[in-house]
Amino acid sequence: MSSRTTRPGAKSASQPENSLDLRALQRTPGFMLRLAQLKFFEGFYEEFAALGLTPATYAIFVVIRDNPGVPPSSLASLLRLRLPNLIKILNELESSGFIKRNRSKSDRRAVELMLTPKGAKLIHDGASLTEPYNRKMLAALTEAEQRTLLDLLNRMLPL
């Protein structure tokens, strides 16, 4: 028997991807969420590339903008980043003039993160792209379905 023999019912390796049976995976929330994440990240890189923002840096800017003085440890926890990885990103953002670190007035050991005017302008420009980007990425859903999707995700992933 040839080593290339396939099991009964198995699809050949040359079979087009769109003819594969993916029904089981389509009923797997984790798999579908991962594919959605990849789709959103690919779209994000296209839409926000001119600004030099990545999904991670966009989130960092938004959290600092909306929570001036946030400590790096809180930011790392919220964004599920390892602190050393976040510190590397923060070092780059600080050396580029987008953020600044200040010592906390209440606890001189603590560091607080603030946007510089340059960082505030960058996230302002990025935020102006957000609504059209979300509209494009969610175009397959009605407005009510879009609200339901966000409501469900926020219920599953309380921040």
C-alpha atoms as a PDB file:
ATOM      1  CA  MET A   1       0.000   0.000   0.000  1.00  0.00           C
ATOM      2  CA  SER A   2       1.337   3.428  -0.927  1.00  0.00           C
ATOM      3  CA  SER A   3       2.353   5.870   1.784  1.00  0.00           C
ATOM      4  CA  ARG A   4       0.226   8.436  -0.066  1.00  0.00           C
ATOM      5  CA  THR A   5      -3.003   6.514   0.506  1.00  0.00           C
ATOM      6  CA  THR A   6      -5.593   8.581   2.323  1.00  0.00           C
ATOM      7  CA  ARG A   7      -8.154   7.490   4.843  1.00  0.00           C
ATOM      8  CA  PRO A   8     -11.677   6.990   3.533  1.00  0.00           C
ATOM      9  CA  GLY A   9     -13.422  10.365   3.560  1.00  0.00           C
ATOM     10  CA  ALA A  10     -10.166  12.296   3.993  1.00  0.00           C
ATOM     11  CA  LYS A  11      -9.586  15.230   1.704  1.00  0.00           C
ATOM     12  CA  SER A  12      -6.451  15.362  -0.418  1.00  0.00           C
ATOM     13  CA  ALA A  13      -3.757  17.918   0.369  1.00  0.00           C
ATOM     14  CA  SER A  14      -4.362  19.591  -2.989  1.00  0.00           C
ATOM     15  CA  GLN A  15      -8.052  20.148  -2.311  1.00  0.00           C
ATOM     16  CA  PRO A  16      -8.996  23.844  -2.238  1.00  0.00           C
ATOM     17  CA  GLU A  17      -9.386  25.393   1.198  1.00  0.00           C
ATOM     18  CA  ASN A  18     -12.978  26.499   0.544  1.00  0.00           C
ATOM     19  CA  SER A  19     -14.102  22.895   0.087  1.00  0.00           C
ATOM     20  CA  LEU A  20     -12.821  21.740   3.477  1.00  0.00           C
ATOM     21  CA  ASP A  21     -15.375  20.758   6.105  1.00  0.00           C
ATOM     22  CA  LEU A  22     -14.926  23.373   8.839  1.00  0.00           C
ATOM     23  CA  ARG A  23     -18.302  23.067  10.551  1.00  0.00           C
ATOM     24  CA  ALA A  24     -16.789  21.798  13.812  1.00  0.00           C
ATOM     25  CA  LEU A  25     -14.334  24.694  13.968  1.00  0.00           C
ATOM     26  CA  GLN A  26     -17.089  27.168  13.121  1.00  0.00           C
ATOM     27  CA  ARG A  27     -18.871  26.018  16.297  1.00  0.00           C
ATOM     28  CA  THR A  28     -15.714  26.608  18.369  1.00  0.00           C
ATOM     29  CA  PRO A  29     -15.806  30.104  19.920  1.00  0.00           C
ATOM     30  CA  GLY A  30     -12.075  30.263  20.609  1.00  0.00           C
ATOM     31  CA  PHE A  31     -11.173  29.397  17.035  1.00  0.00           C
ATOM     32  CA  MET A  32     -13.655  31.876  15.580  1.00  0.00           C
ATOM     33  CA  LEU A  33     -12.525  34.629  17.976  1.00  0.00           C
ATOM     34  CA  ARG A  34      -8.928  34.000  16.919  1.00  0.00           C
ATOM     35  CA  LEU A  35      -9.839  34.288  13.226  1.00  0.00           C
ATOM     36  CA  ALA A  36     -11.760  37.492  13.980  1.00  0.00           C
ATOM     37  CA  GLN A  37      -8.729  38.865  15.855  1.00  0.00           C
ATOM     38  CA  LEU A  38      -6.478  38.093  12.893  1.00  0.00           C
ATOM     39  CA  LYS A  39      -8.918  39.758  10.485  1.00  0.00           C
ATOM     40  CA  PHE A  40      -9.094  42.863  12.678  1.00  0.00           C
ATOM     41  CA  PHE A  41      -5.318  43.025  13.125  1.00  0.00           C
ATOM     42  CA  GLU A  42      -4.692  42.684   9.367  1.00  0.00           C
ATOM     43  CA  GLY A  43      -7.190  45.474   8.722  1.00  0.00           C
ATOM     44  CA  PHE A  44      -5.696  47.579  11.503  1.00  0.00           C
ATOM     45  CA  TYR A  45      -2.199  47.379  10.038  1.00  0.00           C
ATOM     46  CA  GLU A  46      -3.570  48.524   6.662  1.00  0.00           C
ATOM     47  CA  GLU A  47      -5.637  51.415   8.022  1.00  0.00           C
ATOM     48  CA  PHE A  48      -3.252  52.714  10.680  1.00  0.00           C
ATOM     49  CA  ALA A  49       0.100  52.015   8.972  1.00  0.00           C
ATOM     50  CA  ALA A  50       0.604  55.630   7.902  1.00  0.00           C
ATOM     51  CA  LEU A  51       0.501  56.677  11.563  1.00  0.00           C
ATOM     52  CA  GLY A  52       2.914  53.930  12.637  1.00  0.00           C
ATOM     53  CA  LEU A  53       0.427  52.571  15.168  1.00  0.00           C
ATOM     54  CA  THR A  54       0.126  48.885  15.987  1.00  0.00           C
ATOM     55  CA  PRO A  55      -2.821  47.387  17.859  1.00  0.00           C
ATOM     56  CA  ALA A  56      -0.678  47.322  21.027  1.00  0.00           C
ATOM     57  CA  THR A  57       0.580  50.897  20.757  1.00  0.00           C
ATOM     58  CA  TYR A  58      -2.917  52.141  19.899  1.00  0.00           C
ATOM     59  CA  ALA A  59      -4.275  50.489  23.054  1.00  0.00           C
ATOM     60  CA  ILE A  60      -1.408  51.912  25.133  1.00  0.00           C
ATOM     61  CA  PHE A  61      -2.063  55.429  23.841  1.00  0.00           C
ATOM     62  CA  VAL A  62      -5.822  55.171  24.468  1.00  0.00           C
ATOM     63  CA  VAL A  63      -5.390  53.904  28.032  1.00  0.00           C
ATOM     64  CA  ILE A  64      -2.860  56.630  28.870  1.00  0.00           C
ATOM     65  CA  ARG A  65      -5.040  59.293  27.191  1.00  0.00           C
ATOM     66  CA  ASP A  66      -8.121  58.220  29.125  1.00  0.00           C
ATOM     67  CA  ASN A  67      -6.237  57.543  32.394  1.00  0.00           C
ATOM     68  CA  PRO A  68      -3.419  60.088  32.750  1.00  0.00           C
ATOM     69  CA  GLY A  69      -0.927  58.909  35.330  1.00  0.00           C
ATOM     70  CA  VAL A  70      -1.672  55.200  34.895  1.00  0.00           C
ATOM     71  CA  PRO A  71       1.215  53.110  36.257  1.00  0.00           C
ATOM     72  CA  PRO A  72       2.973  50.723  33.867  1.00  0.00           C
ATOM     73  CA  SER A  73       2.015  47.699  36.000  1.00  0.00           C
ATOM     74  CA  SER A  74      -1.703  48.512  35.658  1.00  0.00           C
ATOM     75  CA  LEU A  75      -1.302  49.031  31.932  1.00  0.00           C
ATOM     76  CA  ALA A  76       0.504  45.696  31.549  1.00  0.00           C
ATOM     77  CA  SER A  77      -2.168  43.881  33.530  1.00  0.00           C
ATOM     78  CA  LEU A  78      -5.036  45.440  31.596  1.00  0.00           C
ATOM     79  CA  LEU A  79      -3.499  44.759  28.175  1.00  0.00           C
ATOM     80  CA  ARG A  80      -2.273  41.275  29.167  1.00  0.00           C
ATOM     81  CA  LEU A  81       1.324  42.199  28.363  1.00  0.00           C
ATOM     82  CA  ARG A  82       4.336  40.980  30.295  1.00  0.00           C
ATOM     83  CA  LEU A  83       5.801  43.979  32.107  1.00  0.00           C
ATOM     84  CA  PRO A  84       9.275  43.623  30.503  1.00  0.00           C
ATOM     85  CA  ASN A  85       7.658  43.633  27.033  1.00  0.00           C
ATOM     86  CA  LEU A  86       5.584  46.692  27.904  1.00  0.00           C
ATOM     87  CA  ILE A  87       8.634  48.493  29.311  1.00  0.00           C
ATOM     88  CA  LYS A  88      10.435  47.953  25.998  1.00  0.00           C
ATOM     89  CA  ILE A  89       7.509  49.521  24.109  1.00  0.00           C
ATOM     90  CA  LEU A  90       7.290  52.382  26.624  1.00  0.00           C
ATOM     91  CA  ASN A  91      11.025  53.052  26.228  1.00  0.00           C
ATOM     92  CA  GLU A  92      10.540  53.372  22.465  1.00  0.00           C
ATOM     93  CA  LEU A  93       7.497  55.630  22.871  1.00  0.00           C
ATOM     94  CA  GLU A  94       9.334  57.810  25.367  1.00  0.00           C
ATOM     95  CA  SER A  95      12.483  58.111  23.247  1.00  0.00           C
ATOM     96  CA  SER A  96      10.261  59.076  20.278  1.00  0.00           C
ATOM     97  CA  GLY A  97       8.674  61.826  22.361  1.00  0.00           C
ATOM     98  CA  PHE A  98       5.150  60.368  22.560  1.00  0.00           C
ATOM     99  CA  ILE A  99       4.952  59.686  26.299  1.00  0.00           C
ATOM    100  CA  LYS A 100       6.692  60.781  29.457  1.00  0.00           C
ATOM    101  CA  ARG A 101       7.180  59.059  32.779  1.00  0.00           C
ATOM    102  CA  ASN A 102       6.709  61.053  35.946  1.00  0.00           C
ATOM    103  CA  ARG A 103       7.360  60.113  39.538  1.00  0.00           C
ATOM    104  CA  SER A 104       4.145  59.926  41.515  1.00  0.00           C
ATOM    105  CA  LYS A 105       3.721  62.785  43.968  1.00  0.00           C
ATOM    106  CA  SER A 106       2.026  60.451  46.454  1.00  0.00           C
ATOM    107  CA  ASP A 107       4.558  57.601  46.131  1.00  0.00           C
ATOM    108  CA  ARG A 108       7.995  58.651  44.887  1.00  0.00           C
ATOM    109  CA  ARG A 109       8.791  55.018  44.020  1.00  0.00           C
ATOM    110  CA  ALA A 110       5.875  54.792  41.577  1.00  0.00           C
ATOM    111  CA  VAL A 111       5.940  55.887  37.935  1.00  0.00           C
ATOM    112  CA  GLU A 112       2.999  57.486  36.160  1.00  0.00           C
ATOM    113  CA  LEU A 113       2.557  57.602  32.394  1.00  0.00           C
ATOM    114  CA  MET A 114       1.446  60.721  30.538  1.00  0.00           C
ATOM    115  CA  LEU A 115       1.084  61.609  26.875  1.00  0.00           C
ATOM    116  CA  THR A 116       3.183  64.412  25.498  1.00  0.00           C
ATOM    117  CA  PRO A 117       1.532  66.883  23.084  1.00  0.00           C
ATOM    118  CA  LYS A 118       3.090  64.833  20.258  1.00  0.00           C
ATOM    119  CA  GLY A 119       1.533  61.629  21.678  1.00  0.00           C
ATOM    120  CA  ALA A 120      -1.836  63.349  22.195  1.00  0.00           C
ATOM    121  CA  LYS A 121      -1.840  64.441  18.538  1.00  0.00           C
ATOM    122  CA  LEU A 122      -0.944  60.950  17.335  1.00  0.00           C
ATOM    123  CA  ILE A 123      -3.765  59.278  19.247  1.00  0.00           C
ATOM    124  CA  HIS A 124      -6.161  62.032  18.185  1.00  0.00           C
ATOM    125  CA  ASP A 125      -5.267  61.270  14.553  1.00  0.00           C
ATOM    126  CA  GLY A 126      -5.587  57.532  15.220  1.00  0.00           C
ATOM    127  CA  ALA A 127      -8.928  57.939  16.960  1.00  0.00           C
ATOM    128  CA  SER A 128     -10.287  59.768  13.903  1.00  0.00           C
ATOM    129  CA  LEU A 129      -9.643  56.593  11.877  1.00  0.00           C
ATOM    130  CA  THR A 130     -11.287  54.296  14.412  1.00  0.00           C
ATOM    131  CA  GLU A 131     -14.965  54.790  13.574  1.00  0.00           C
ATOM    132  CA  PRO A 132     -14.565  54.334   9.791  1.00  0.00           C
ATOM    133  CA  TYR A 133     -12.302  51.326  10.416  1.00  0.00           C
ATOM    134  CA  ASN A 134     -14.818  49.685  12.769  1.00  0.00           C
ATOM    135  CA  ARG A 135     -17.656  50.396  10.345  1.00  0.00           C
ATOM    136  CA  LYS A 136     -15.681  48.736   7.534  1.00  0.00           C
ATOM    137  CA  MET A 137     -14.690  45.709   9.611  1.00  0.00           C
ATOM    138  CA  LEU A 138     -18.233  45.151  10.932  1.00  0.00           C
ATOM    139  CA  ALA A 139     -20.031  45.871   7.640  1.00  0.00           C
ATOM    140  CA  ALA A 140     -21.431  42.312   7.483  1.00  0.00           C
ATOM    141  CA  LEU A 141     -23.472  43.045  10.642  1.00  0.00           C
ATOM    142  CA  THR A 142     -26.432  45.358  11.147  1.00  0.00           C
ATOM    143  CA  GLU A 143     -25.997  48.199  13.645  1.00  0.00           C
ATOM    144  CA  ALA A 144     -28.081  46.240  16.172  1.00  0.00           C
ATOM    145  CA  GLU A 145     -25.903  43.152  15.648  1.00  0.00           C
ATOM    146  CA  GLN A 146     -22.778  45.269  16.079  1.00  0.00           C
ATOM    147  CA  ARG A 147     -24.071  46.576  19.420  1.00  0.00           C
ATOM    148  CA  THR A 148     -25.015  43.027  20.460  1.00  0.00           C
ATOM    149  CA  LEU A 149     -21.556  41.734  19.524  1.00  0.00           C
ATOM    150  CA  LEU A 150     -19.872  44.409  21.644  1.00  0.00           C
ATOM    151  CA  ASP A 151     -22.301  43.825  24.508  1.00  0.00           C
ATOM    152  CA  LEU A 152     -21.586  40.085  24.453  1.00  0.00           C
ATOM    153  CA  LEU A 153     -17.812  40.560  24.232  1.00  0.00           C
ATOM    154  CA  ASN A 154     -17.904  43.041  27.122  1.00  0.00           C
ATOM    155  CA  ARG A 155     -19.940  40.592  29.174  1.00  0.00           C
ATOM    156  CA  MET A 156     -17.472  37.783  28.442  1.00  0.00           C
ATOM    157  CA  LEU A 157     -14.393  39.948  28.955  1.00  0.00           C
ATOM    158  CA  PRO A 158     -15.133  42.426  31.724  1.00  0.00           C
ATOM    159  CA  LEU A 159     -12.338  44.951  32.068  1.00  0.00           C
END
